[in-house]
Amino acid sequence: MKRAFLGEFEEVVLLTVAVLDEGAYGVNITQEIEQKTGRSVGFSTVHTTLQRLEEKGFLSSQMGGATAERGGRRKRFFTVTAAGRKALQEVKQVREELWGALPPQTLQLMGG
């Protein structure tokens, strides 16, 4: 079975959308990533990644209602699709297998 490829940043964005659930939109996703990872990310980088993940079928999106706080502009909300959930599960499994395969002496050197 061929696995879907997810880049590191794609994984972070996809996970963040899953974490935010129904509240996942561009600005909120960007802020959550910065808060959780401690790294500065540009909104345009997140937006491009969201589009790419949607093209891959890992996300779907829909427009929300206009709000006064945004000057009447609407937000695009993102949802993880079944293919996105499967891709995340595969990535998690691969990472767990790799961490589980580390020799004990390597774990000791890492402080584990």
PDB file of N, CA and C in Angstrom:
ATOM      1  N   MET A   1       0.838  -1.179   0.000  1.00  0.00           N
ATOM      2  CA  MET A   1       0.000   0.000   0.000  1.00  0.00           C
ATOM      3  C   MET A   1       0.884   1.243   0.000  1.00  0.00           C
ATOM      4  N   LYS A   2       0.603   2.148  -0.898  1.00  0.00           N
ATOM      5  CA  LYS A   2       1.374   3.376  -0.998  1.00  0.00           C
ATOM      6  C   LYS A   2       0.881   4.376   0.045  1.00  0.00           C
ATOM      7  N   ARG A   3       1.830   4.960   0.765  1.00  0.00           N
ATOM      8  CA  ARG A   3       1.487   5.951   1.779  1.00  0.00           C
ATOM      9  C   ARG A   3       1.426   7.338   1.156  1.00  0.00           C
ATOM     10  N   ALA A   4       0.570   8.147   1.738  1.00  0.00           N
ATOM     11  CA  ALA A   4       0.490   9.535   1.316  1.00  0.00           C
ATOM     12  C   ALA A   4       1.664  10.286   1.925  1.00  0.00           C
ATOM     13  N   PHE A   5       2.322  11.119   1.138  1.00  0.00           N
ATOM     14  CA  PHE A   5       3.450  11.875   1.645  1.00  0.00           C
ATOM     15  C   PHE A   5       2.966  13.152   2.311  1.00  0.00           C
ATOM     16  N   LEU A   6       3.464  13.386   3.507  1.00  0.00           N
ATOM     17  CA  LEU A   6       3.186  14.617   4.241  1.00  0.00           C
ATOM     18  C   LEU A   6       4.517  15.224   4.654  1.00  0.00           C
ATOM     19  N   GLY A   7       4.765  16.470   4.252  1.00  0.00           N
ATOM     20  CA  GLY A   7       5.957  17.165   4.714  1.00  0.00           C
ATOM     21  C   GLY A   7       5.792  17.534   6.176  1.00  0.00           C
ATOM     22  N   GLU A   8       6.905  17.892   6.817  1.00  0.00           N
ATOM     23  CA  GLU A   8       6.869  18.216   8.250  1.00  0.00           C
ATOM     24  C   GLU A   8       5.905  19.360   8.543  1.00  0.00           C
ATOM     25  N   PHE A   9       5.965  20.442   7.747  1.00  0.00           N
ATOM     26  CA  PHE A   9       5.079  21.571   8.015  1.00  0.00           C
ATOM     27  C   PHE A   9       3.629  21.229   7.667  1.00  0.00           C
ATOM     28  N   GLU A  10       3.444  20.421   6.631  1.00  0.00           N
ATOM     29  CA  GLU A  10       2.085  19.971   6.306  1.00  0.00           C
ATOM     30  C   GLU A  10       1.499  19.188   7.474  1.00  0.00           C
ATOM     31  N   GLU A  11       2.319  18.352   8.092  1.00  0.00           N
ATOM     32  CA  GLU A  11       1.866  17.571   9.249  1.00  0.00           C
ATOM     33  C   GLU A  11       1.456  18.502  10.380  1.00  0.00           C
ATOM     34  N   VAL A  12       2.268  19.520  10.649  1.00  0.00           N
ATOM     35  CA  VAL A  12       1.961  20.469  11.725  1.00  0.00           C
ATOM     36  C   VAL A  12       0.643  21.196  11.436  1.00  0.00           C
ATOM     37  N   VAL A  13       0.463  21.640  10.208  1.00  0.00           N
ATOM     38  CA  VAL A  13      -0.767  22.363   9.850  1.00  0.00           C
ATOM     39  C   VAL A  13      -1.978  21.429   9.944  1.00  0.00           C
ATOM     40  N   LEU A  14      -1.845  20.220   9.411  1.00  0.00           N
ATOM     41  CA  LEU A  14      -2.959  19.264   9.440  1.00  0.00           C
ATOM     42  C   LEU A  14      -3.328  18.912  10.888  1.00  0.00           C
ATOM     43  N   LEU A  15      -2.324  18.691  11.729  1.00  0.00           N
ATOM     44  CA  LEU A  15      -2.586  18.406  13.139  1.00  0.00           C
ATOM     45  C   LEU A  15      -3.272  19.585  13.816  1.00  0.00           C
ATOM     46  N   THR A  16      -2.826  20.787  13.491  1.00  0.00           N
ATOM     47  CA  THR A  16      -3.410  21.981  14.107  1.00  0.00           C
ATOM     48  C   THR A  16      -4.870  22.141  13.704  1.00  0.00           C
ATOM     49  N   VAL A  17      -5.184  21.875  12.462  1.00  0.00           N
ATOM     50  CA  VAL A  17      -6.593  21.926  12.030  1.00  0.00           C
ATOM     51  C   VAL A  17      -7.404  20.903  12.828  1.00  0.00           C
ATOM     52  N   ALA A  18      -6.845  19.716  13.018  1.00  0.00           N
ATOM     53  CA  ALA A  18      -7.549  18.683  13.787  1.00  0.00           C
ATOM     54  C   ALA A  18      -7.744  19.128  15.238  1.00  0.00           C
ATOM     55  N   VAL A  19      -6.734  19.767  15.819  1.00  0.00           N
ATOM     56  CA  VAL A  19      -6.817  20.224  17.208  1.00  0.00           C
ATOM     57  C   VAL A  19      -7.884  21.306  17.360  1.00  0.00           C
ATOM     58  N   LEU A  20      -7.899  22.251  16.417  1.00  0.00           N
ATOM     59  CA  LEU A  20      -8.843  23.370  16.512  1.00  0.00           C
ATOM     60  C   LEU A  20     -10.269  22.966  16.155  1.00  0.00           C
ATOM     61  N   ASP A  21     -10.399  21.834  15.475  1.00  0.00           N
ATOM     62  CA  ASP A  21     -11.703  21.272  15.107  1.00  0.00           C
ATOM     63  C   ASP A  21     -12.552  22.302  14.357  1.00  0.00           C
ATOM     64  N   GLU A  22     -13.704  22.674  14.866  1.00  0.00           N
ATOM     65  CA  GLU A  22     -14.612  23.554  14.133  1.00  0.00           C
ATOM     66  C   GLU A  22     -14.142  25.006  14.090  1.00  0.00           C
ATOM     67  N   GLY A  23     -13.148  25.357  14.881  1.00  0.00           N
ATOM     68  CA  GLY A  23     -12.649  26.733  14.919  1.00  0.00           C
ATOM     69  C   GLY A  23     -11.404  26.948  14.074  1.00  0.00           C
ATOM     70  N   ALA A  24     -11.134  26.057  13.105  1.00  0.00           N
ATOM     71  CA  ALA A  24      -9.904  26.136  12.324  1.00  0.00           C
ATOM     72  C   ALA A  24     -10.062  27.041  11.105  1.00  0.00           C
ATOM     73  N   TYR A  25      -9.510  28.234  11.181  1.00  0.00           N
ATOM     74  CA  TYR A  25      -9.425  29.133  10.031  1.00  0.00           C
ATOM     75  C   TYR A  25      -8.030  29.739  10.005  1.00  0.00           C
ATOM     76  N   GLY A  26      -7.645  30.361   8.918  1.00  0.00           N
ATOM     77  CA  GLY A  26      -6.271  30.779   8.663  1.00  0.00           C
ATOM     78  C   GLY A  26      -5.546  31.462   9.808  1.00  0.00           C
ATOM     79  N   VAL A  27      -6.089  32.552  10.298  1.00  0.00           N
ATOM     80  CA  VAL A  27      -5.407  33.313  11.352  1.00  0.00           C
ATOM     81  C   VAL A  27      -5.290  32.480  12.622  1.00  0.00           C
ATOM     82  N   ASN A  28      -6.370  31.813  12.974  1.00  0.00           N
ATOM     83  CA  ASN A  28      -6.379  30.993  14.177  1.00  0.00           C
ATOM     84  C   ASN A  28      -5.356  29.852  14.086  1.00  0.00           C
ATOM     85  N   ILE A  29      -5.262  29.239  12.928  1.00  0.00           N
ATOM     86  CA  ILE A  29      -4.301  28.153  12.709  1.00  0.00           C
ATOM     87  C   ILE A  29      -2.876  28.687  12.849  1.00  0.00           C
ATOM     88  N   THR A  30      -2.613  29.842  12.232  1.00  0.00           N
ATOM     89  CA  THR A  30      -1.282  30.456  12.302  1.00  0.00           C
ATOM     90  C   THR A  30      -0.893  30.750  13.750  1.00  0.00           C
ATOM     91  N   GLN A  31      -1.802  31.356  14.502  1.00  0.00           N
ATOM     92  CA  GLN A  31      -1.523  31.691  15.906  1.00  0.00           C
ATOM     93  C   GLN A  31      -1.293  30.436  16.743  1.00  0.00           C
ATOM     94  N   GLU A  32      -2.082  29.403  16.510  1.00  0.00           N
ATOM     95  CA  GLU A  32      -1.948  28.159  17.272  1.00  0.00           C
ATOM     96  C   GLU A  32      -0.592  27.503  16.998  1.00  0.00           C
ATOM     97  N   ILE A  33      -0.178  27.509  15.737  1.00  0.00           N
ATOM     98  CA  ILE A  33       1.122  26.920  15.392  1.00  0.00           C
ATOM     99  C   ILE A  33       2.239  27.685  16.092  1.00  0.00           C
ATOM    100  N   GLU A  34       2.168  29.014  16.057  1.00  0.00           N
ATOM    101  CA  GLU A  34       3.202  29.820  16.702  1.00  0.00           C
ATOM    102  C   GLU A  34       3.232  29.568  18.203  1.00  0.00           C
ATOM    103  N   GLN A  35       2.066  29.466  18.808  1.00  0.00           N
ATOM    104  CA  GLN A  35       1.984  29.240  20.251  1.00  0.00           C
ATOM    105  C   GLN A  35       2.506  27.861  20.628  1.00  0.00           C
ATOM    106  N   LYS A  36       2.126  26.836  19.878  1.00  0.00           N
ATOM    107  CA  LYS A  36       2.500  25.459  20.236  1.00  0.00           C
ATOM    108  C   LYS A  36       3.938  25.121  19.880  1.00  0.00           C
ATOM    109  N   THR A  37       4.449  25.683  18.785  1.00  0.00           N
ATOM    110  CA  THR A  37       5.798  25.307  18.347  1.00  0.00           C
ATOM    111  C   THR A  37       6.856  26.312  18.764  1.00  0.00           C
ATOM    112  N   GLY A  38       6.426  27.534  19.086  1.00  0.00           N
ATOM    113  CA  GLY A  38       7.379  28.569  19.445  1.00  0.00           C
ATOM    114  C   GLY A  38       8.139  29.128  18.259  1.00  0.00           C
ATOM    115  N   ARG A  39       7.681  28.817  17.067  1.00  0.00           N
ATOM    116  CA  ARG A  39       8.347  29.350  15.885  1.00  0.00           C
ATOM    117  C   ARG A  39       7.413  30.296  15.145  1.00  0.00           C
ATOM    118  N   SER A  40       8.007  31.309  14.573  1.00  0.00           N
ATOM    119  CA  SER A  40       7.239  32.295  13.845  1.00  0.00           C
ATOM    120  C   SER A  40       6.918  31.763  12.453  1.00  0.00           C
ATOM    121  N   VAL A  41       5.660  31.808  12.076  1.00  0.00           N
ATOM    122  CA  VAL A  41       5.255  31.361  10.733  1.00  0.00           C
ATOM    123  C   VAL A  41       4.415  32.464  10.099  1.00  0.00           C
ATOM    124  N   GLY A  42       4.595  32.639   8.838  1.00  0.00           N
ATOM    125  CA  GLY A  42       3.834  33.652   8.117  1.00  0.00           C
ATOM    126  C   GLY A  42       2.454  33.135   7.733  1.00  0.00           C
ATOM    127  N   PHE A  43       1.494  34.053   7.740  1.00  0.00           N
ATOM    128  CA  PHE A  43       0.138  33.665   7.357  1.00  0.00           C
ATOM    129  C   PHE A  43       0.118  33.122   5.928  1.00  0.00           C
ATOM    130  N   SER A  44       0.907  33.727   5.038  1.00  0.00           N
ATOM    131  CA  SER A  44       0.898  33.274   3.639  1.00  0.00           C
ATOM    132  C   SER A  44       1.443  31.849   3.524  1.00  0.00           C
ATOM    133  N   THR A  45       2.411  31.509   4.351  1.00  0.00           N
ATOM    134  CA  THR A  45       2.958  30.144   4.337  1.00  0.00           C
ATOM    135  C   THR A  45       1.888  29.154   4.785  1.00  0.00           C
ATOM    136  N   VAL A  46       1.160  29.509   5.838  1.00  0.00           N
ATOM    137  CA  VAL A  46       0.088  28.636   6.320  1.00  0.00           C
ATOM    138  C   VAL A  46      -1.012  28.539   5.259  1.00  0.00           C
ATOM    139  N   HIS A  47      -1.359  29.678   4.660  1.00  0.00           N
ATOM    140  CA  HIS A  47      -2.417  29.689   3.650  1.00  0.00           C
ATOM    141  C   HIS A  47      -2.051  28.786   2.463  1.00  0.00           C
ATOM    142  N   THR A  48      -0.802  28.899   1.994  1.00  0.00           N
ATOM    143  CA  THR A  48      -0.346  28.065   0.879  1.00  0.00           C
ATOM    144  C   THR A  48      -0.400  26.584   1.250  1.00  0.00           C
ATOM    145  N   THR A  49      -0.009  26.280   2.473  1.00  0.00           N
ATOM    146  CA  THR A  49      -0.020  24.880   2.926  1.00  0.00           C
ATOM    147  C   THR A  49      -1.453  24.363   3.037  1.00  0.00           C
ATOM    148  N   LEU A  50      -2.359  25.200   3.524  1.00  0.00           N
ATOM    149  CA  LEU A  50      -3.763  24.800   3.605  1.00  0.00           C
ATOM    150  C   LEU A  50      -4.311  24.478   2.210  1.00  0.00           C
ATOM    151  N   GLN A  51      -3.965  25.320   1.234  1.00  0.00           N
ATOM    152  CA  GLN A  51      -4.428  25.069  -0.143  1.00  0.00           C
ATOM    153  C   GLN A  51      -3.866  23.752  -0.669  1.00  0.00           C
ATOM    154  N   ARG A  52      -2.563  23.516  -0.416  1.00  0.00           N
ATOM    155  CA  ARG A  52      -1.931  22.290  -0.899  1.00  0.00           C
ATOM    156  C   ARG A  52      -2.574  21.065  -0.249  1.00  0.00           C
ATOM    157  N   LEU A  53      -2.845  21.145   1.060  1.00  0.00           N
ATOM    158  CA  LEU A  53      -3.474  20.015   1.752  1.00  0.00           C
ATOM    159  C   LEU A  53      -4.903  19.777   1.239  1.00  0.00           C
ATOM    160  N   GLU A  54      -5.566  20.852   0.866  1.00  0.00           N
ATOM    161  CA  GLU A  54      -6.912  20.705   0.303  1.00  0.00           C
ATOM    162  C   GLU A  54      -6.824  20.055  -1.078  1.00  0.00           C
ATOM    163  N   GLU A  55      -5.828  20.448  -1.882  1.00  0.00           N
ATOM    164  CA  GLU A  55      -5.645  19.838  -3.203  1.00  0.00           C
ATOM    165  C   GLU A  55      -5.317  18.354  -3.086  1.00  0.00           C
ATOM    166  N   LYS A  56      -4.599  17.980  -2.035  1.00  0.00           N
ATOM    167  CA  LYS A  56      -4.257  16.575  -1.807  1.00  0.00           C
ATOM    168  C   LYS A  56      -5.436  15.777  -1.264  1.00  0.00           C
ATOM    169  N   GLY A  57      -6.504  16.473  -0.900  1.00  0.00           N
ATOM    170  CA  GLY A  57      -7.691  15.792  -0.377  1.00  0.00           C
ATOM    171  C   GLY A  57      -7.644  15.543   1.114  1.00  0.00           C
ATOM    172  N   PHE A  58      -6.669  16.168   1.825  1.00  0.00           N
ATOM    173  CA  PHE A  58      -6.543  15.959   3.268  1.00  0.00           C
ATOM    174  C   PHE A  58      -7.387  16.939   4.071  1.00  0.00           C
ATOM    175  N   LEU A  59      -7.804  18.020   3.429  1.00  0.00           N
ATOM    176  CA  LEU A  59      -8.647  19.024   4.068  1.00  0.00           C
ATOM    177  C   LEU A  59      -9.799  19.385   3.147  1.00  0.00           C
ATOM    178  N   SER A  60     -10.885  19.819   3.754  1.00  0.00           N
ATOM    179  CA  SER A  60     -11.962  20.455   2.999  1.00  0.00           C
ATOM    180  C   SER A  60     -12.212  21.800   3.674  1.00  0.00           C
ATOM    181  N   SER A  61     -12.850  22.708   2.956  1.00  0.00           N
ATOM    182  CA  SER A  61     -13.100  24.022   3.534  1.00  0.00           C
ATOM    183  C   SER A  61     -14.472  24.533   3.137  1.00  0.00           C
ATOM    184  N   GLN A  62     -14.938  25.435   3.952  1.00  0.00           N
ATOM    185  CA  GLN A  62     -16.201  26.106   3.632  1.00  0.00           C
ATOM    186  C   GLN A  62     -16.165  27.509   4.222  1.00  0.00           C
ATOM    187  N   MET A  63     -16.861  28.420   3.576  1.00  0.00           N
ATOM    188  CA  MET A  63     -16.899  29.798   4.037  1.00  0.00           C
ATOM    189  C   MET A  63     -17.900  29.938   5.181  1.00  0.00           C
ATOM    190  N   GLY A  64     -17.490  30.683   6.211  1.00  0.00           N
ATOM    191  CA  GLY A  64     -18.380  30.993   7.319  1.00  0.00           C
ATOM    192  C   GLY A  64     -19.124  32.286   7.019  1.00  0.00           C
ATOM    193  N   GLY A  65     -19.911  32.722   7.969  1.00  0.00           N
ATOM    194  CA  GLY A  65     -20.660  33.957   7.797  1.00  0.00           C
ATOM    195  C   GLY A  65     -19.787  35.182   8.009  1.00  0.00           C
ATOM    196  N   ALA A  66     -20.219  36.300   7.477  1.00  0.00           N
ATOM    197  CA  ALA A  66     -19.502  37.558   7.650  1.00  0.00           C
ATOM    198  C   ALA A  66     -19.632  38.030   9.091  1.00  0.00           C
ATOM    199  N   THR A  67     -18.544  38.620   9.612  1.00  0.00           N
ATOM    200  CA  THR A  67     -18.581  39.130  10.990  1.00  0.00           C
ATOM    201  C   THR A  67     -18.168  40.599  10.999  1.00  0.00           C
ATOM    202  N   ALA A  68     -18.718  41.338  11.954  1.00  0.00           N
ATOM    203  CA  ALA A  68     -18.383  42.757  12.086  1.00  0.00           C
ATOM    204  C   ALA A  68     -16.925  42.924  12.500  1.00  0.00           C
ATOM    205  N   GLU A  69     -16.413  41.986  13.322  1.00  0.00           N
ATOM    206  CA  GLU A  69     -15.029  42.075  13.793  1.00  0.00           C
ATOM    207  C   GLU A  69     -14.045  42.054  12.636  1.00  0.00           C
ATOM    208  N   ARG A  70     -14.407  41.444  11.530  1.00  0.00           N
ATOM    209  CA  ARG A  70     -13.537  41.360  10.349  1.00  0.00           C
ATOM    210  C   ARG A  70     -14.003  42.318   9.248  1.00  0.00           C
ATOM    211  N   GLY A  71     -14.756  43.321   9.617  1.00  0.00           N
ATOM    212  CA  GLY A  71     -15.215  44.304   8.644  1.00  0.00           C
ATOM    213  C   GLY A  71     -16.146  43.714   7.604  1.00  0.00           C
ATOM    214  N   GLY A  72     -16.898  42.712   8.005  1.00  0.00           N
ATOM    215  CA  GLY A  72     -17.846  42.100   7.088  1.00  0.00           C
ATOM    216  C   GLY A  72     -17.262  40.993   6.229  1.00  0.00           C
ATOM    217  N   ARG A  73     -15.958  40.742   6.392  1.00  0.00           N
ATOM    218  CA  ARG A  73     -15.347  39.654   5.600  1.00  0.00           C
ATOM    219  C   ARG A  73     -15.674  38.302   6.233  1.00  0.00           C
ATOM    220  N   ARG A  74     -15.683  37.300   5.403  1.00  0.00           N
ATOM    221  CA  ARG A  74     -15.986  35.946   5.867  1.00  0.00           C
ATOM    222  C   ARG A  74     -14.703  35.164   6.129  1.00  0.00           C
ATOM    223  N   LYS A  75     -14.790  34.178   6.998  1.00  0.00           N
ATOM    224  CA  LYS A  75     -13.661  33.296   7.291  1.00  0.00           C
ATOM    225  C   LYS A  75     -13.853  31.992   6.534  1.00  0.00           C
ATOM    226  N   ARG A  76     -12.730  31.397   6.096  1.00  0.00           N
ATOM    227  CA  ARG A  76     -12.767  30.064   5.483  1.00  0.00           C
ATOM    228  C   ARG A  76     -12.361  29.059   6.559  1.00  0.00           C
ATOM    229  N   PHE A  77     -13.257  28.175   6.903  1.00  0.00           N
ATOM    230  CA  PHE A  77     -13.011  27.165   7.932  1.00  0.00           C
ATOM    231  C   PHE A  77     -12.569  25.851   7.285  1.00  0.00           C
ATOM    232  N   PHE A  78     -11.588  25.209   7.924  1.00  0.00           N
ATOM    233  CA  PHE A  78     -11.019  23.968   7.385  1.00  0.00           C
ATOM    234  C   PHE A  78     -11.361  22.782   8.279  1.00  0.00           C
ATOM    235  N   THR A  79     -11.555  21.638   7.632  1.00  0.00           N
ATOM    236  CA  THR A  79     -11.880  20.391   8.321  1.00  0.00           C
ATOM    237  C   THR A  79     -10.996  19.280   7.763  1.00  0.00           C
ATOM    238  N   VAL A  80     -10.509  18.422   8.639  1.00  0.00           N
ATOM    239  CA  VAL A  80      -9.701  17.288   8.205  1.00  0.00           C
ATOM    240  C   VAL A  80     -10.635  16.233   7.602  1.00  0.00           C
ATOM    241  N   THR A  81     -10.303  15.757   6.408  1.00  0.00           N
ATOM    242  CA  THR A  81     -11.099  14.732   5.730  1.00  0.00           C
ATOM    243  C   THR A  81     -10.690  13.335   6.226  1.00  0.00           C
ATOM    244  N   ALA A  82     -11.394  12.322   5.773  1.00  0.00           N
ATOM    245  CA  ALA A  82     -11.034  10.938   6.124  1.00  0.00           C
ATOM    246  C   ALA A  82      -9.633  10.623   5.608  1.00  0.00           C
ATOM    247  N   ALA A  83      -9.294  11.091   4.418  1.00  0.00           N
ATOM    248  CA  ALA A  83      -7.937  10.870   3.878  1.00  0.00           C
ATOM    249  C   ALA A  83      -6.896  11.587   4.729  1.00  0.00           C
ATOM    250  N   GLY A  84      -7.228  12.760   5.246  1.00  0.00           N
ATOM    251  CA  GLY A  84      -6.315  13.495   6.122  1.00  0.00           C
ATOM    252  C   GLY A  84      -6.096  12.769   7.440  1.00  0.00           C
ATOM    253  N   ARG A  85      -7.172  12.240   8.008  1.00  0.00           N
ATOM    254  CA  ARG A  85      -7.041  11.477   9.262  1.00  0.00           C
ATOM    255  C   ARG A  85      -6.170  10.239   9.040  1.00  0.00           C
ATOM    256  N   LYS A  86      -6.369   9.586   7.909  1.00  0.00           N
ATOM    257  CA  LYS A  86      -5.579   8.394   7.595  1.00  0.00           C
ATOM    258  C   LYS A  86      -4.101   8.763   7.436  1.00  0.00           C
ATOM    259  N   ALA A  87      -3.824   9.870   6.751  1.00  0.00           N
ATOM    260  CA  ALA A  87      -2.436  10.307   6.568  1.00  0.00           C
ATOM    261  C   ALA A  87      -1.784  10.610   7.917  1.00  0.00           C
ATOM    262  N   LEU A  88      -2.529  11.272   8.816  1.00  0.00           N
ATOM    263  CA  LEU A  88      -1.985  11.561  10.151  1.00  0.00           C
ATOM    264  C   LEU A  88      -1.705  10.275  10.924  1.00  0.00           C
ATOM    265  N   GLN A  89      -2.605   9.308  10.825  1.00  0.00           N
ATOM    266  CA  GLN A  89      -2.389   8.038  11.527  1.00  0.00           C
ATOM    267  C   GLN A  89      -1.155   7.321  10.988  1.00  0.00           C
ATOM    268  N   GLU A  90      -0.956   7.375   9.667  1.00  0.00           N
ATOM    269  CA  GLU A  90       0.214   6.726   9.071  1.00  0.00           C
ATOM    270  C   GLU A  90       1.505   7.402   9.531  1.00  0.00           C
ATOM    271  N   VAL A  91       1.507   8.729   9.550  1.00  0.00           N
ATOM    272  CA  VAL A  91       2.693   9.464   9.988  1.00  0.00           C
ATOM    273  C   VAL A  91       3.002   9.142  11.453  1.00  0.00           C
ATOM    274  N   LYS A  92       1.962   9.102  12.281  1.00  0.00           N
ATOM    275  CA  LYS A  92       2.145   8.793  13.695  1.00  0.00           C
ATOM    276  C   LYS A  92       2.735   7.392  13.863  1.00  0.00           C
ATOM    277  N   GLN A  93       2.217   6.432  13.093  1.00  0.00           N
ATOM    278  CA  GLN A  93       2.701   5.058  13.178  1.00  0.00           C
ATOM    279  C   GLN A  93       4.180   4.970  12.791  1.00  0.00           C
ATOM    280  N   VAL A  94       4.554   5.636  11.708  1.00  0.00           N
ATOM    281  CA  VAL A  94       5.951   5.613  11.264  1.00  0.00           C
ATOM    282  C   VAL A  94       6.857   6.220  12.330  1.00  0.00           C
ATOM    283  N   ARG A  95       6.438   7.355  12.894  1.00  0.00           N
ATOM    284  CA  ARG A  95       7.256   8.004  13.935  1.00  0.00           C
ATOM    285  C   ARG A  95       7.391   7.105  15.164  1.00  0.00           C
ATOM    286  N   GLU A  96       6.298   6.486  15.587  1.00  0.00           N
ATOM    287  CA  GLU A  96       6.348   5.601  16.756  1.00  0.00           C
ATOM    288  C   GLU A  96       7.259   4.409  16.495  1.00  0.00           C
ATOM    289  N   GLU A  97       7.205   3.857  15.261  1.00  0.00           N
ATOM    290  CA  GLU A  97       8.073   2.729  14.925  1.00  0.00           C
ATOM    291  C   GLU A  97       9.539   3.147  14.958  1.00  0.00           C
ATOM    292  N   LEU A  98       9.836   4.327  14.436  1.00  0.00           N
ATOM    293  CA  LEU A  98      11.225   4.802  14.431  1.00  0.00           C
ATOM    294  C   LEU A  98      11.709   5.074  15.849  1.00  0.00           C
ATOM    295  N   TRP A  99      10.893   5.725  16.670  1.00  0.00           N
ATOM    296  CA  TRP A  99      11.285   5.981  18.067  1.00  0.00           C
ATOM    297  C   TRP A  99      11.448   4.677  18.833  1.00  0.00           C
ATOM    298  N   GLY A 100      10.580   3.705  18.554  1.00  0.00           N
ATOM    299  CA  GLY A 100      10.656   2.414  19.225  1.00  0.00           C
ATOM    300  C   GLY A 100      11.865   1.602  18.818  1.00  0.00           C
ATOM    301  N   ALA A 101      12.426   1.889  17.647  1.00  0.00           N
ATOM    302  CA  ALA A 101      13.575   1.146  17.142  1.00  0.00           C
ATOM    303  C   ALA A 101      14.909   1.728  17.595  1.00  0.00           C
ATOM    304  N   LEU A 102      14.876   2.870  18.291  1.00  0.00           N
ATOM    305  CA  LEU A 102      16.129   3.464  18.749  1.00  0.00           C
ATOM    306  C   LEU A 102      16.821   2.541  19.747  1.00  0.00           C
ATOM    307  N   PRO A 103      18.123   2.315  19.573  1.00  0.00           N
ATOM    308  CA  PRO A 103      18.867   1.498  20.536  1.00  0.00           C
ATOM    309  C   PRO A 103      18.891   2.189  21.900  1.00  0.00           C
ATOM    310  N   PRO A 104      18.888   1.410  22.994  1.00  0.00           N
ATOM    311  CA  PRO A 104      18.869   1.992  24.352  1.00  0.00           C
ATOM    312  C   PRO A 104      19.995   2.986  24.593  1.00  0.00           C
ATOM    313  N   GLN A 105      21.198   2.689  24.060  1.00  0.00           N
ATOM    314  CA  GLN A 105      22.320   3.610  24.285  1.00  0.00           C
ATOM    315  C   GLN A 105      22.075   4.964  23.624  1.00  0.00           C
ATOM    316  N   THR A 106      21.375   4.978  22.531  1.00  0.00           N
ATOM    317  CA  THR A 106      21.049   6.244  21.874  1.00  0.00           C
ATOM    318  C   THR A 106      20.035   7.012  22.704  1.00  0.00           C
ATOM    319  N   LEU A 107      19.055   6.299  23.257  1.00  0.00           N
ATOM    320  CA  LEU A 107      18.072   6.962  24.125  1.00  0.00           C
ATOM    321  C   LEU A 107      18.751   7.575  25.346  1.00  0.00           C
ATOM    322  N   GLN A 108      19.736   6.869  25.928  1.00  0.00           N
ATOM    323  CA  GLN A 108      20.445   7.399  27.088  1.00  0.00           C
ATOM    324  C   GLN A 108      21.187   8.681  26.734  1.00  0.00           C
ATOM    325  N   LEU A 109      21.798   8.699  25.557  1.00  0.00           N
ATOM    326  CA  LEU A 109      22.523   9.896  25.126  1.00  0.00           C
ATOM    327  C   LEU A 109      21.574  11.082  24.938  1.00  0.00           C
ATOM    328  N   MET A 110      20.324  10.761  24.614  1.00  0.00           N
ATOM    329  CA  MET A 110      19.326  11.809  24.403  1.00  0.00           C
ATOM    330  C   MET A 110      18.649  12.204  25.713  1.00  0.00           C
ATOM    331  N   GLY A 111      19.021  11.546  26.812  1.00  0.00           N
ATOM    332  CA  GLY A 111      18.415  11.857  28.104  1.00  0.00           C
ATOM    333  C   GLY A 111      17.105  11.140  28.338  1.00  0.00           C
ATOM    334  N   GLY A 112      16.817  10.113  27.538  1.00  0.00           N
ATOM    335  CA  GLY A 112      15.548   9.377  27.680  1.00  0.00           C
ATOM    336  C   GLY A 112      15.654   8.117  28.474  1.00  0.00           C
TER     337      GLY A 112
END
